[in-house]
Each structure stands twice: as C-alpha cells, then as structure tokens.
C-alpha cells in the first residue's frame, strides 16, 4: 500500500499577512481549516506540518498532526516549495506520495482531496493538482510601451504589435457557452510521486487534475483576501472540515 503523506508547508515568515498561516477565519486559524479537512480524507497515511515557527508547530501537535522542523535554508524567502518538500522526504523515506496542501486555501473540500488521492493511489497518475476553470480572454504583452518626451511632458506611444491574443481568435471572439475555457492552477493542492519530486518536478509524467469552482479556490495572501473569505464562510455557513458546503451553491461546472 502506498504511503500518502499529507504535507502543509507553513513557515512563519509570511509578508502580506504576518503569521498568515495562523490568521483567524471565523475564529479558527487557517492551519486548522486545512488540518480538519485533511483528517477527514480517505487515503492519507499520515499528516504533517513543516514549519520553522514554534507556535505553528505547537498548534499542529495539539491537533493531531506530526511535525517536521524546517531548516533556516528552506524557510527563507528565496526557498522553493520543492526544496522544502525534498528536505522533508530526506527524513521520511517511507513516503511514496506527497499531498501538498496549502492552508491558505481554506475552502478545499474533503471531496476534492479524496478525488485527487484516488487518482494517485489507483496507479494511473504521477501527479494530480487543483485547477479552476477560467473563461477569461487573455492577451500577452510583447513589448513595453515606448515613452517619448515632448514639450507637454512624457507620453506613451502604442506599437501595433505590442500585445497579441493568447487563447482566442480576435476575429471570432468565443461566447462563454461555446467553449470550455482554460484550466488555471489555483495552488490549493498538489499530489506528486516521490520519484517525480526527486527529479525536481512537482508536476510531470502522467498528469491529472481536480477542478474546483472559483469560489472554492480563494487563496488568502492579503488582508482583502481574508476579508472576502470571511464573508463567504459566514454567508454560506462554511465550517472547518465540514458543515455547510460552498460547492452546493457554486459547483465547479455550470
């Protein structure tokens, strides 16, 4: 049987919101929103919190998670998630699959994680991650605007080839109901085989996805994000780990 380790990377040095992983949503720290959801999942062999902050580690221990004390190197602003994951794996060779859960995505539902775990443990995928479907019409900037000086001050001049459409034909703009849109990573969770992670990849090999609605995909990075999550949680009576279900009101596909 595969050892699937649920892992939260929760360093203490967040910038936008100090100690963001302990920020309160409906009176409960974001870390506990994730841990309570993970505790109800089928297929997680173990649940871990990796952090350099004593308050985060203590809260994790008090709520049934195991802890990994991150080094200063993998807790720095410049460290990547992959570096922190591989540091964890060096101490835990028993792990076969890492389920990386972002605790700043509080509206991940148990069903989302169960679907991802089932795909990984069935042996048909090397990586599974969460996405949101977008119907935005996207453009790519090809060059910076030219700034010219004149007697009236500086002004930007427009180059006809400054931008181009990325995911649609401007001569035939699609109607929302006539196309499936794009799948955009929302960062809520990533499941990867250890073999893939050892190659320096979080996504690769046979890849699949779990779709989440935009409302479930909120990622708390700023004070505004936290306020918005509070409004959604209160309005739909969402509770950590269950109770209420925003998916009932906003299914992934409409």
Foldseek 3Di string as FASTA:
>chain_A
DAAEEEEEEQEQDADQDGSQQQDDFVHGGLVLLVVLQVVPAPDHNAYEYEYQDPVVCVVCVVSPHHYHYDDPVCRDPPHDPLVRVVVVCVVPVRHFKYKYFYSLLNLDHSVLVNVQSVCVVVPQFQKEAEWAFDPDWDKDADDDFDWDADPVGIDTDDDPPGMDTDPDDPVQDDDPVPDRGDIGGLPRIMMHTVVQSVVVDRDDDGYYYGYDYPVSSQGDRHPVSSVVSNVVCVVQVADRNDGGHVCVVPPRPD
